[in-house]
Each structure stands twice: as C-alpha cells, then as structure tokens.
C-alpha cells in the first residue's frame, strides 16, 4: 500500500518531478514487484480518472490476462470531453494490451488532448509497439536499497529470521513483491516449495530432476521453477564462478523461452533434465 511501499531515493525525486510536470504520455518500467502501479498512482496524485488493467475471460483483473480492444474503446470514450482540468488515465501492465488494443491506443497518442495524460506501466516494454514507445517519456523505477528492504520488512511485521531470509532471496529491492509475499504466508510457503525444487533441480541427480519435471505440468508453474533456478544460479555465480553453472543457466534459459513460446511443458522439462549433467 502507499503508506508501506518505499521508493529508492533517486526514484522518489524523479516521481516528485514527474508529478509536478507530467508529460502527455509516460511509461514507467522496472522489475516485476518493483511497485510500478504504486509509482503511477503516486505521480498521478488525485487526478486519476481510471485505471485499466489486464483481465481474464470473465472480466476479472488478472496479471496473466490481457487488455483487449473494448477496454481501449472505453478509454477513448472516457477521455472525450475531459479537457478542462488535468485528467490522468493509468494503463497498468500496458504490454498486456493485445495488438488491436495497442493500435487503438496509438491513435489516442497521435491525437493528444490538452489536460489529458496517460501513465503506462510495463515490466516488458519490448512487447509494446515501437510507435507507442516513440511517443512516451520513459522512466525507470529502481530497486530499493537493502537498508530500505529491511526497513520495509520491519514495517510489515516480519520478525522470523527464516522468513526474512526467504523474502530477501525472493524479492529483495522489490517493495510490491515483498509486501504481497509478507501478507500472504500461504503463497510464500508455496513459493518456498518451488525454490526447494529449483535447488534440487540444479544440484540433484538425473532421477531427482526427472521426478520434479514430471510434477510441473502447468506452464506458469514451470516458468516459476525455471526462474528460481536461474535466480539461484545467478546468486551462486556471484560468489563462485563456474563454467558448469553457466552452461546450466544457458540450458535453463533456453527451456524457459521455449515454454514461454507455447512449447510442450513436460517435453521441454524432460529434455532439460538430460542436459543438466
């Protein structure tokens, strides 16, 4: 929440300047869990007319959903006739706009209206049309410091050293992710299990890897597993560089990419186990 989430000092200064002199179109980028929506709300202040977010097929807000053409058409209707005072529309996870929605939104950017402002957030800005990127001013939301991370965990009431270390590994520097995980212990436990599987997938035997691979049939869960594998390897490489670990990370990244591109989940994980020797 706004009272709990923190900003890195330079980012705070940047957001204050942004709030004072907001461009017609702004894009906030940063790591997943960095608190982009909170940053957008902070910059917008009290002038938010609407927040557009990805939804699932039933219309419920869902990070893995999409922003469809109808949502942008509704945005166009809302933006009309609102030129008397500063009015701000936030498009959260803007890279989740499908192609038709992006083209429709581009027309709004090409026909700017006085006092109408758009703040987009995106963890994957490369998925936005180049023509949209060329029409927005881009700002990066930096991770908070380790001191701020500890400060936030204290505010959130985290006093168990084991949980604190788990949160530091999973989300250090990412205030939104830290807040969400600290407030949802069930999810934290679930992620902890995935992290343990990731550790075993990296260091275990082929048999152990195969057992794990057969359990992860869901695409999103498999991507989480491989993401934590990469995070563990990256953390280890900082302390102890290893050619073997570098090769493993390359194979894992390739498998992640194929799964993300709609490859067969089980087939990709089983194939990966054969390369992790």
C-alpha atoms as a PDB file:
ATOM      1  CA  UNK A   1       0.000   0.000   0.000  1.00  0.00           C
ATOM      2  CA  UNK A   2       1.067   3.618  -0.400  1.00  0.00           C
ATOM      3  CA  UNK A   3       1.880   4.012   3.302  1.00  0.00           C
ATOM      4  CA  UNK A   4       4.070   0.900   3.284  1.00  0.00           C
ATOM      5  CA  UNK A   5       5.745   0.813  -0.095  1.00  0.00           C
ATOM      6  CA  UNK A   6       9.002   2.693  -0.385  1.00  0.00           C
ATOM      7  CA  UNK A   7      10.855   4.256  -3.287  1.00  0.00           C
ATOM      8  CA  UNK A   8      14.595   4.424  -3.846  1.00  0.00           C
ATOM      9  CA  UNK A   9      15.721   7.995  -3.140  1.00  0.00           C
ATOM     10  CA  UNK A  10      16.552   8.943  -6.737  1.00  0.00           C
ATOM     11  CA  UNK A  11      13.302   7.377  -7.925  1.00  0.00           C
ATOM     12  CA  UNK A  12      11.364   9.371  -5.294  1.00  0.00           C
ATOM     13  CA  UNK A  13      12.905  12.613  -6.583  1.00  0.00           C
ATOM     14  CA  UNK A  14      12.108  11.595 -10.138  1.00  0.00           C
ATOM     15  CA  UNK A  15       8.483  10.831  -9.280  1.00  0.00           C
ATOM     16  CA  UNK A  16       8.088  14.144  -7.448  1.00  0.00           C
ATOM     17  CA  UNK A  17       9.383  15.997 -10.513  1.00  0.00           C
ATOM     18  CA  UNK A  18       7.116  13.916 -12.730  1.00  0.00           C
ATOM     19  CA  UNK A  19       4.056  14.738 -10.613  1.00  0.00           C
ATOM     20  CA  UNK A  20       4.855  18.446 -10.832  1.00  0.00           C
ATOM     21  CA  UNK A  21       5.280  18.461 -14.612  1.00  0.00           C
ATOM     22  CA  UNK A  22       3.603  15.400 -16.080  1.00  0.00           C
ATOM     23  CA  UNK A  23       4.218  14.675 -19.793  1.00  0.00           C
ATOM     24  CA  UNK A  24       1.264  13.857 -22.003  1.00  0.00           C
ATOM     25  CA  UNK A  25       2.322  10.199 -22.063  1.00  0.00           C
ATOM     26  CA  UNK A  26       4.631   8.468 -19.595  1.00  0.00           C
ATOM     27  CA  UNK A  27       5.953   4.906 -19.383  1.00  0.00           C
ATOM     28  CA  UNK A  28       7.159   3.554 -16.037  1.00  0.00           C
ATOM     29  CA  UNK A  29       9.339   0.452 -16.275  1.00  0.00           C
ATOM     30  CA  UNK A  30      11.042  -1.755 -13.722  1.00  0.00           C
ATOM     31  CA  UNK A  31      11.407  -5.274 -12.383  1.00  0.00           C
ATOM     32  CA  UNK A  32       8.353  -7.360 -11.586  1.00  0.00           C
ATOM     33  CA  UNK A  33       7.467  -6.488  -7.999  1.00  0.00           C
ATOM     34  CA  UNK A  34       9.064  -3.023  -8.104  1.00  0.00           C
ATOM     35  CA  UNK A  35       5.727  -1.306  -7.427  1.00  0.00           C
ATOM     36  CA  UNK A  36       5.038   0.278 -10.810  1.00  0.00           C
ATOM     37  CA  UNK A  37       1.314   0.765 -10.217  1.00  0.00           C
ATOM     38  CA  UNK A  38       2.000   2.405  -6.857  1.00  0.00           C
ATOM     39  CA  UNK A  39       4.553   4.666  -8.558  1.00  0.00           C
ATOM     40  CA  UNK A  40       1.995   5.567 -11.231  1.00  0.00           C
ATOM     41  CA  UNK A  41      -0.623   6.414  -8.594  1.00  0.00           C
ATOM     42  CA  UNK A  42       1.935   8.484  -6.688  1.00  0.00           C
ATOM     43  CA  UNK A  43       2.815  10.510  -9.795  1.00  0.00           C
ATOM     44  CA  UNK A  44      -0.854  10.950 -10.722  1.00  0.00           C
ATOM     45  CA  UNK A  45      -2.000  12.103  -7.292  1.00  0.00           C
ATOM     46  CA  UNK A  46      -5.717  12.834  -7.046  1.00  0.00           C
ATOM     47  CA  UNK A  47      -6.244  13.266 -10.778  1.00  0.00           C
ATOM     48  CA  UNK A  48      -6.817   9.631 -11.732  1.00  0.00           C
ATOM     49  CA  UNK A  49      -9.875   9.163 -13.933  1.00  0.00           C
ATOM     50  CA  UNK A  50      -9.464   5.408 -14.483  1.00  0.00           C
ATOM     51  CA  UNK A  51      -7.025   2.524 -14.142  1.00  0.00           C
ATOM     52  CA  UNK A  52      -7.051  -0.030 -16.957  1.00  0.00           C
ATOM     53  CA  UNK A  53      -5.633  -3.455 -16.036  1.00  0.00           C
ATOM     54  CA  UNK A  54      -5.422  -6.880 -17.699  1.00  0.00           C
ATOM     55  CA  UNK A  55      -8.461  -9.095 -17.180  1.00  0.00           C
ATOM     56  CA  UNK A  56      -9.276 -12.758 -17.654  1.00  0.00           C
ATOM     57  CA  UNK A  57     -12.039 -14.118 -19.885  1.00  0.00           C
ATOM     58  CA  UNK A  58     -14.610 -13.388 -17.159  1.00  0.00           C
ATOM     59  CA  UNK A  59     -13.565  -9.747 -16.872  1.00  0.00           C
ATOM     60  CA  UNK A  60     -11.817 -10.097 -13.507  1.00  0.00           C
ATOM     61  CA  UNK A  61      -8.488  -8.308 -13.021  1.00  0.00           C
ATOM     62  CA  UNK A  62      -5.723 -10.846 -13.651  1.00  0.00           C
ATOM     63  CA  UNK A  63      -1.980 -10.141 -14.163  1.00  0.00           C
ATOM     64  CA  UNK A  64      -1.793 -13.010 -16.656  1.00  0.00           C
ATOM     65  CA  UNK A  65      -4.824 -11.735 -18.565  1.00  0.00           C
ATOM     66  CA  UNK A  66      -4.914  -9.197 -21.363  1.00  0.00           C
ATOM     67  CA  UNK A  67      -6.118  -5.688 -22.160  1.00  0.00           C
ATOM     68  CA  UNK A  68      -8.474  -6.006 -25.081  1.00  0.00           C
ATOM     69  CA  UNK A  69      -9.732  -3.604 -27.723  1.00  0.00           C
ATOM     70  CA  UNK A  70     -13.021  -2.969 -25.870  1.00  0.00           C
ATOM     71  CA  UNK A  71     -11.113  -1.615 -22.862  1.00  0.00           C
ATOM     72  CA  UNK A  72      -9.271   0.902 -25.041  1.00  0.00           C
ATOM     73  CA  UNK A  73     -12.500   1.880 -26.792  1.00  0.00           C
ATOM     74  CA  UNK A  74     -13.995   2.561 -23.363  1.00  0.00           C
ATOM     75  CA  UNK A  75     -10.893   4.591 -22.523  1.00  0.00           C
ATOM     76  CA  UNK A  76     -11.397   6.682 -25.672  1.00  0.00           C
ATOM     77  CA  UNK A  77     -14.988   7.418 -24.635  1.00  0.00           C
ATOM     78  CA  UNK A  78     -13.902   8.390 -21.136  1.00  0.00           C
ATOM     79  CA  UNK A  79     -11.138  10.660 -22.447  1.00  0.00           C
ATOM     80  CA  UNK A  80     -13.534  12.702 -24.573  1.00  0.00           C
ATOM     81  CA  UNK A  81     -14.845  15.900 -23.045  1.00  0.00           C
ATOM     82  CA  UNK A  82     -12.402  15.840 -20.128  1.00  0.00           C
ATOM     83  CA  UNK A  83     -10.171  18.700 -21.241  1.00  0.00           C
ATOM     84  CA  UNK A  84     -10.970  21.348 -18.611  1.00  0.00           C
ATOM     85  CA  UNK A  85      -8.609  20.100 -15.880  1.00  0.00           C
ATOM     86  CA  UNK A  86      -5.699  17.680 -15.609  1.00  0.00           C
ATOM     87  CA  UNK A  87      -7.064  14.157 -16.005  1.00  0.00           C
ATOM     88  CA  UNK A  88      -4.900  11.044 -15.832  1.00  0.00           C
ATOM     89  CA  UNK A  89      -5.511   7.531 -17.111  1.00  0.00           C
ATOM     90  CA  UNK A  90      -3.247   4.698 -15.923  1.00  0.00           C
ATOM     91  CA  UNK A  91      -2.728   1.616 -18.071  1.00  0.00           C
ATOM     92  CA  UNK A  92      -1.171  -0.985 -15.795  1.00  0.00           C
ATOM     93  CA  UNK A  93       0.860  -3.784 -17.413  1.00  0.00           C
ATOM     94  CA  UNK A  94       0.441  -1.996 -20.735  1.00  0.00           C
ATOM     95  CA  UNK A  95       2.408  -4.710 -22.539  1.00  0.00           C
ATOM     96  CA  UNK A  96      -0.628  -6.948 -21.929  1.00  0.00           C
ATOM     97  CA  UNK A  97      -2.594  -4.920 -24.497  1.00  0.00           C
ATOM     98  CA  UNK A  98      -3.233  -7.181 -27.461  1.00  0.00           C
ATOM     99  CA  UNK A  99      -2.205  -5.983 -30.922  1.00  0.00           C
ATOM    100  CA  UNK A 100      -5.567  -4.429 -31.777  1.00  0.00           C
ATOM    101  CA  UNK A 101      -5.715  -2.651 -28.427  1.00  0.00           C
ATOM    102  CA  UNK A 102      -2.201  -1.247 -28.906  1.00  0.00           C
ATOM    103  CA  UNK A 103      -3.109   0.105 -32.336  1.00  0.00           C
ATOM    104  CA  UNK A 104      -6.255   1.710 -30.932  1.00  0.00           C
ATOM    105  CA  UNK A 105      -4.291   3.252 -28.058  1.00  0.00           C
ATOM    106  CA  UNK A 106      -1.721   4.576 -30.529  1.00  0.00           C
ATOM    107  CA  UNK A 107      -4.450   6.719 -32.086  1.00  0.00           C
ATOM    108  CA  UNK A 108      -5.013   8.372 -28.704  1.00  0.00           C
ATOM    109  CA  UNK A 109      -1.316   9.210 -28.511  1.00  0.00           C
ATOM    110  CA  UNK A 110      -1.329  10.562 -32.054  1.00  0.00           C
ATOM    111  CA  UNK A 111      -4.218  12.927 -31.259  1.00  0.00           C
ATOM    112  CA  UNK A 112      -3.253  14.469 -27.894  1.00  0.00           C
ATOM    113  CA  UNK A 113      -5.930  16.372 -25.993  1.00  0.00           C
ATOM    114  CA  UNK A 114      -4.990  19.216 -23.621  1.00  0.00           C
ATOM    115  CA  UNK A 115      -5.028  18.210 -19.934  1.00  0.00           C
ATOM    116  CA  UNK A 116      -5.359  14.501 -20.786  1.00  0.00           C
ATOM    117  CA  UNK A 117      -2.391  12.411 -19.603  1.00  0.00           C
ATOM    118  CA  UNK A 118      -1.567   8.713 -19.817  1.00  0.00           C
ATOM    119  CA  UNK A 119       0.735   6.804 -17.468  1.00  0.00           C
ATOM    120  CA  UNK A 120       1.652   3.329 -18.679  1.00  0.00           C
ATOM    121  CA  UNK A 121       3.455   0.701 -16.603  1.00  0.00           C
ATOM    122  CA  UNK A 122       5.320  -2.240 -18.063  1.00  0.00           C
ATOM    123  CA  UNK A 123       7.770  -4.896 -16.894  1.00  0.00           C
ATOM    124  CA  UNK A 124       8.268  -5.920 -20.531  1.00  0.00           C
ATOM    125  CA  UNK A 125       8.322  -2.704 -22.576  1.00  0.00           C
ATOM    126  CA  UNK A 126       9.839  -4.514 -25.570  1.00  0.00           C
ATOM    127  CA  UNK A 127       6.384  -6.029 -26.128  1.00  0.00           C
ATOM    128  CA  UNK A 128       4.915  -2.595 -26.845  1.00  0.00           C
ATOM    129  CA  UNK A 129       4.738  -1.282 -30.383  1.00  0.00           C
ATOM    130  CA  UNK A 130       7.767   0.776 -31.373  1.00  0.00           C
ATOM    131  CA  UNK A 131       5.382   3.552 -32.400  1.00  0.00           C
ATOM    132  CA  UNK A 132       3.979   3.663 -28.852  1.00  0.00           C
ATOM    133  CA  UNK A 133       7.460   3.665 -27.315  1.00  0.00           C
ATOM    134  CA  UNK A 134       8.443   6.587 -29.544  1.00  0.00           C
ATOM    135  CA  UNK A 135       5.571   8.689 -28.138  1.00  0.00           C
ATOM    136  CA  UNK A 136       6.083   8.189 -24.403  1.00  0.00           C
ATOM    137  CA  UNK A 137       8.632   9.556 -21.964  1.00  0.00           C
ATOM    138  CA  UNK A 138      10.233   6.624 -20.202  1.00  0.00           C
ATOM    139  CA  UNK A 139      11.200   6.453 -16.524  1.00  0.00           C
ATOM    140  CA  UNK A 140      12.786   3.541 -14.669  1.00  0.00           C
ATOM    141  CA  UNK A 141      11.683   2.608 -11.149  1.00  0.00           C
ATOM    142  CA  UNK A 142      14.854   1.438  -9.406  1.00  0.00           C
ATOM    143  CA  UNK A 143      15.028  -1.245  -6.705  1.00  0.00           C
ATOM    144  CA  UNK A 144      15.040  -0.006  -3.126  1.00  0.00           C
ATOM    145  CA  UNK A 145      18.238  -0.401  -1.098  1.00  0.00           C
ATOM    146  CA  UNK A 146      18.976  -3.300   1.250  1.00  0.00           C
ATOM    147  CA  UNK A 147      18.508  -0.931   4.189  1.00  0.00           C
ATOM    148  CA  UNK A 148      15.085   0.091   2.849  1.00  0.00           C
ATOM    149  CA  UNK A 149      14.240  -3.578   2.281  1.00  0.00           C
ATOM    150  CA  UNK A 150      14.951  -4.361   5.953  1.00  0.00           C
ATOM    151  CA  UNK A 151      13.012  -1.254   6.958  1.00  0.00           C
ATOM    152  CA  UNK A 152      10.003  -2.395   4.916  1.00  0.00           C
ATOM    153  CA  UNK A 153      10.113  -5.920   6.366  1.00  0.00           C
ATOM    154  CA  UNK A 154      10.107  -4.398   9.854  1.00  0.00           C
ATOM    155  CA  UNK A 155       7.065  -2.271   8.932  1.00  0.00           C
ATOM    156  CA  UNK A 156       5.346  -5.408   7.645  1.00  0.00           C
ATOM    157  CA  UNK A 157       5.918  -7.145  10.972  1.00  0.00           C
ATOM    158  CA  UNK A 158       8.346  -9.791   9.680  1.00  0.00           C
ATOM    159  CA  UNK A 159      10.353 -10.912  12.732  1.00  0.00           C
ATOM    160  CA  UNK A 160      11.058 -14.561  11.907  1.00  0.00           C
ATOM    161  CA  UNK A 161      14.696 -14.757  10.650  1.00  0.00           C
ATOM    162  CA  UNK A 162      13.873 -17.724   8.419  1.00  0.00           C
ATOM    163  CA  UNK A 163      11.003 -15.904   6.714  1.00  0.00           C
ATOM    164  CA  UNK A 164      13.109 -12.745   6.459  1.00  0.00           C
ATOM    165  CA  UNK A 165      15.892 -14.619   4.649  1.00  0.00           C
ATOM    166  CA  UNK A 166      13.358 -16.237   2.349  1.00  0.00           C
ATOM    167  CA  UNK A 167      11.853 -12.858   1.470  1.00  0.00           C
ATOM    168  CA  UNK A 168      15.285 -11.339   0.914  1.00  0.00           C
ATOM    169  CA  UNK A 169      16.142 -14.093  -1.544  1.00  0.00           C
ATOM    170  CA  UNK A 170      12.823 -13.895  -3.378  1.00  0.00           C
ATOM    171  CA  UNK A 171      12.220 -10.161  -3.528  1.00  0.00           C
ATOM    172  CA  UNK A 172      14.995  -8.003  -2.085  1.00  0.00           C
ATOM    173  CA  UNK A 173      14.696  -4.496  -3.523  1.00  0.00           C
ATOM    174  CA  UNK A 174      11.135  -5.070  -4.797  1.00  0.00           C
ATOM    175  CA  UNK A 175       8.680  -3.377  -2.411  1.00  0.00           C
ATOM    176  CA  UNK A 176       5.457  -4.546  -4.075  1.00  0.00           C
ATOM    177  CA  UNK A 177       6.607  -8.171  -4.159  1.00  0.00           C
ATOM    178  CA  UNK A 178       7.870  -8.019  -0.564  1.00  0.00           C
ATOM    179  CA  UNK A 179       4.568  -6.578   0.630  1.00  0.00           C
ATOM    180  CA  UNK A 180       2.464  -9.119  -1.225  1.00  0.00           C
ATOM    181  CA  UNK A 181       4.516 -12.112  -0.076  1.00  0.00           C
ATOM    182  CA  UNK A 182       4.710 -10.954   3.547  1.00  0.00           C
ATOM    183  CA  UNK A 183       0.933 -10.523   3.654  1.00  0.00           C
ATOM    184  CA  UNK A 184       0.199 -13.871   2.003  1.00  0.00           C
ATOM    185  CA  UNK A 185       2.035 -16.574   4.000  1.00  0.00           C
ATOM    186  CA  UNK A 186       0.292 -19.346   2.050  1.00  0.00           C
ATOM    187  CA  UNK A 187       1.785 -18.063  -1.200  1.00  0.00           C
ATOM    188  CA  UNK A 188       5.158 -17.611   0.481  1.00  0.00           C
ATOM    189  CA  UNK A 189       5.094 -21.247   1.578  1.00  0.00           C
ATOM    190  CA  UNK A 190       4.099 -22.349  -1.922  1.00  0.00           C
ATOM    191  CA  UNK A 191       6.954 -20.360  -3.470  1.00  0.00           C
ATOM    192  CA  UNK A 192       9.315 -21.759  -0.839  1.00  0.00           C
ATOM    193  CA  UNK A 193       8.437 -25.261  -2.060  1.00  0.00           C
ATOM    194  CA  UNK A 194       9.171 -24.233  -5.651  1.00  0.00           C
ATOM    195  CA  UNK A 195      12.518 -22.757  -4.580  1.00  0.00           C
ATOM    196  CA  UNK A 196      13.429 -26.032  -2.870  1.00  0.00           C
ATOM    197  CA  UNK A 197      12.505 -27.900  -6.058  1.00  0.00           C
ATOM    198  CA  UNK A 198      14.676 -25.471  -8.021  1.00  0.00           C
ATOM    199  CA  UNK A 199      17.632 -26.122  -5.726  1.00  0.00           C
ATOM    200  CA  UNK A 200      17.233 -29.864  -6.178  1.00  0.00           C
ATOM    201  CA  UNK A 201      16.736 -29.474  -9.935  1.00  0.00           C
ATOM    202  CA  UNK A 202      20.108 -27.748 -10.141  1.00  0.00           C
ATOM    203  CA  UNK A 203      22.080 -29.918  -7.723  1.00  0.00           C
ATOM    204  CA  UNK A 204      20.246 -33.239  -7.649  1.00  0.00           C
ATOM    205  CA  UNK A 205      20.623 -36.432  -9.650  1.00  0.00           C
ATOM    206  CA  UNK A 206      19.029 -37.033 -13.037  1.00  0.00           C
ATOM    207  CA  UNK A 207      16.407 -39.161 -11.318  1.00  0.00           C
ATOM    208  CA  UNK A 208      15.536 -36.353  -8.880  1.00  0.00           C
ATOM    209  CA  UNK A 209      15.321 -33.870 -11.738  1.00  0.00           C
ATOM    210  CA  UNK A 210      13.076 -36.216 -13.705  1.00  0.00           C
ATOM    211  CA  UNK A 211      10.705 -36.591 -10.737  1.00  0.00           C
ATOM    212  CA  UNK A 212      10.467 -32.815 -10.416  1.00  0.00           C
ATOM    213  CA  UNK A 213       9.995 -32.355 -14.172  1.00  0.00           C
ATOM    214  CA  UNK A 214       7.053 -34.772 -14.174  1.00  0.00           C
ATOM    215  CA  UNK A 215       5.302 -32.754 -11.437  1.00  0.00           C
ATOM    216  CA  UNK A 216       5.414 -29.419 -13.256  1.00  0.00           C
ATOM    217  CA  UNK A 217       2.812 -29.740 -15.991  1.00  0.00           C
ATOM    218  CA  UNK A 218       1.336 -26.238 -15.600  1.00  0.00           C
ATOM    219  CA  UNK A 219       3.042 -23.654 -17.832  1.00  0.00           C
ATOM    220  CA  UNK A 220       3.135 -20.851 -15.265  1.00  0.00           C
ATOM    221  CA  UNK A 221       4.429 -23.134 -12.506  1.00  0.00           C
ATOM    222  CA  UNK A 222       7.134 -24.488 -14.821  1.00  0.00           C
ATOM    223  CA  UNK A 223       8.215 -20.949 -15.664  1.00  0.00           C
ATOM    224  CA  UNK A 224       8.375 -20.145 -11.951  1.00  0.00           C
ATOM    225  CA  UNK A 225      10.525 -23.210 -11.343  1.00  0.00           C
ATOM    226  CA  UNK A 226      12.973 -22.240 -14.076  1.00  0.00           C
ATOM    227  CA  UNK A 227      13.002 -18.582 -12.976  1.00  0.00           C
ATOM    228  CA  UNK A 228      14.072 -19.608  -9.482  1.00  0.00           C
ATOM    229  CA  UNK A 229      16.649 -21.994 -10.942  1.00  0.00           C
ATOM    230  CA  UNK A 230      18.164 -19.031 -12.793  1.00  0.00           C
ATOM    231  CA  UNK A 231      17.992 -16.834  -9.685  1.00  0.00           C
ATOM    232  CA  UNK A 232      19.803 -19.459  -7.589  1.00  0.00           C
ATOM    233  CA  UNK A 233      22.495 -19.937 -10.237  1.00  0.00           C
ATOM    234  CA  UNK A 234      22.988 -16.180 -10.645  1.00  0.00           C
ATOM    235  CA  UNK A 235      23.342 -15.786  -6.865  1.00  0.00           C
ATOM    236  CA  UNK A 236      25.858 -18.663  -6.738  1.00  0.00           C
ATOM    237  CA  UNK A 237      27.892 -17.369  -9.694  1.00  0.00           C
ATOM    238  CA  UNK A 238      28.469 -14.050  -7.927  1.00  0.00           C
ATOM    239  CA  UNK A 239      30.268 -15.899  -5.148  1.00  0.00           C
ATOM    240  CA  UNK A 240      31.748 -18.838  -7.022  1.00  0.00           C
ATOM    241  CA  UNK A 241      32.052 -18.570 -10.833  1.00  0.00           C
ATOM    242  CA  UNK A 242      31.652 -21.938 -12.536  1.00  0.00           C
ATOM    243  CA  UNK A 243      31.637 -22.869 -16.219  1.00  0.00           C
ATOM    244  CA  UNK A 244      29.312 -25.781 -15.432  1.00  0.00           C
ATOM    245  CA  UNK A 245      26.751 -23.470 -13.810  1.00  0.00           C
ATOM    246  CA  UNK A 246      26.982 -21.059 -16.730  1.00  0.00           C
ATOM    247  CA  UNK A 247      26.163 -23.883 -19.137  1.00  0.00           C
ATOM    248  CA  UNK A 248      23.255 -24.973 -16.923  1.00  0.00           C
ATOM    249  CA  UNK A 249      21.884 -21.438 -16.851  1.00  0.00           C
ATOM    250  CA  UNK A 250      22.032 -21.265 -20.666  1.00  0.00           C
ATOM    251  CA  UNK A 251      20.096 -24.537 -20.994  1.00  0.00           C
ATOM    252  CA  UNK A 252      17.517 -23.383 -18.415  1.00  0.00           C
ATOM    253  CA  UNK A 253      17.054 -20.018 -20.150  1.00  0.00           C
ATOM    254  CA  UNK A 254      16.548 -21.775 -23.494  1.00  0.00           C
ATOM    255  CA  UNK A 255      13.938 -24.118 -21.969  1.00  0.00           C
ATOM    256  CA  UNK A 256      12.180 -21.166 -20.332  1.00  0.00           C
ATOM    257  CA  UNK A 257      11.991 -19.398 -23.683  1.00  0.00           C
ATOM    258  CA  UNK A 258      10.549 -22.436 -25.438  1.00  0.00           C
ATOM    259  CA  UNK A 259       7.929 -22.945 -22.709  1.00  0.00           C
ATOM    260  CA  UNK A 260       7.022 -19.239 -22.827  1.00  0.00           C
ATOM    261  CA  UNK A 261       6.619 -19.593 -26.600  1.00  0.00           C
ATOM    262  CA  UNK A 262       3.954 -22.275 -26.021  1.00  0.00           C
ATOM    263  CA  UNK A 263       6.245 -25.301 -26.219  1.00  0.00           C
ATOM    264  CA  UNK A 264       5.118 -28.550 -24.590  1.00  0.00           C
ATOM    265  CA  UNK A 265       5.883 -28.072 -20.883  1.00  0.00           C
ATOM    266  CA  UNK A 266       6.639 -31.671 -19.936  1.00  0.00           C
ATOM    267  CA  UNK A 267       8.657 -32.328 -23.079  1.00  0.00           C
ATOM    268  CA  UNK A 268      10.825 -29.232 -22.504  1.00  0.00           C
ATOM    269  CA  UNK A 269      11.459 -30.046 -18.834  1.00  0.00           C
ATOM    270  CA  UNK A 270      12.315 -33.684 -19.543  1.00  0.00           C
ATOM    271  CA  UNK A 271      14.659 -32.635 -22.345  1.00  0.00           C
ATOM    272  CA  UNK A 272      16.255 -30.151 -19.961  1.00  0.00           C
ATOM    273  CA  UNK A 273      16.997 -32.867 -17.385  1.00  0.00           C
ATOM    274  CA  UNK A 274      19.134 -34.647 -19.990  1.00  0.00           C
ATOM    275  CA  UNK A 275      21.236 -31.502 -20.476  1.00  0.00           C
ATOM    276  CA  UNK A 276      21.741 -30.773 -16.760  1.00  0.00           C
ATOM    277  CA  UNK A 277      24.591 -33.258 -16.211  1.00  0.00           C
END
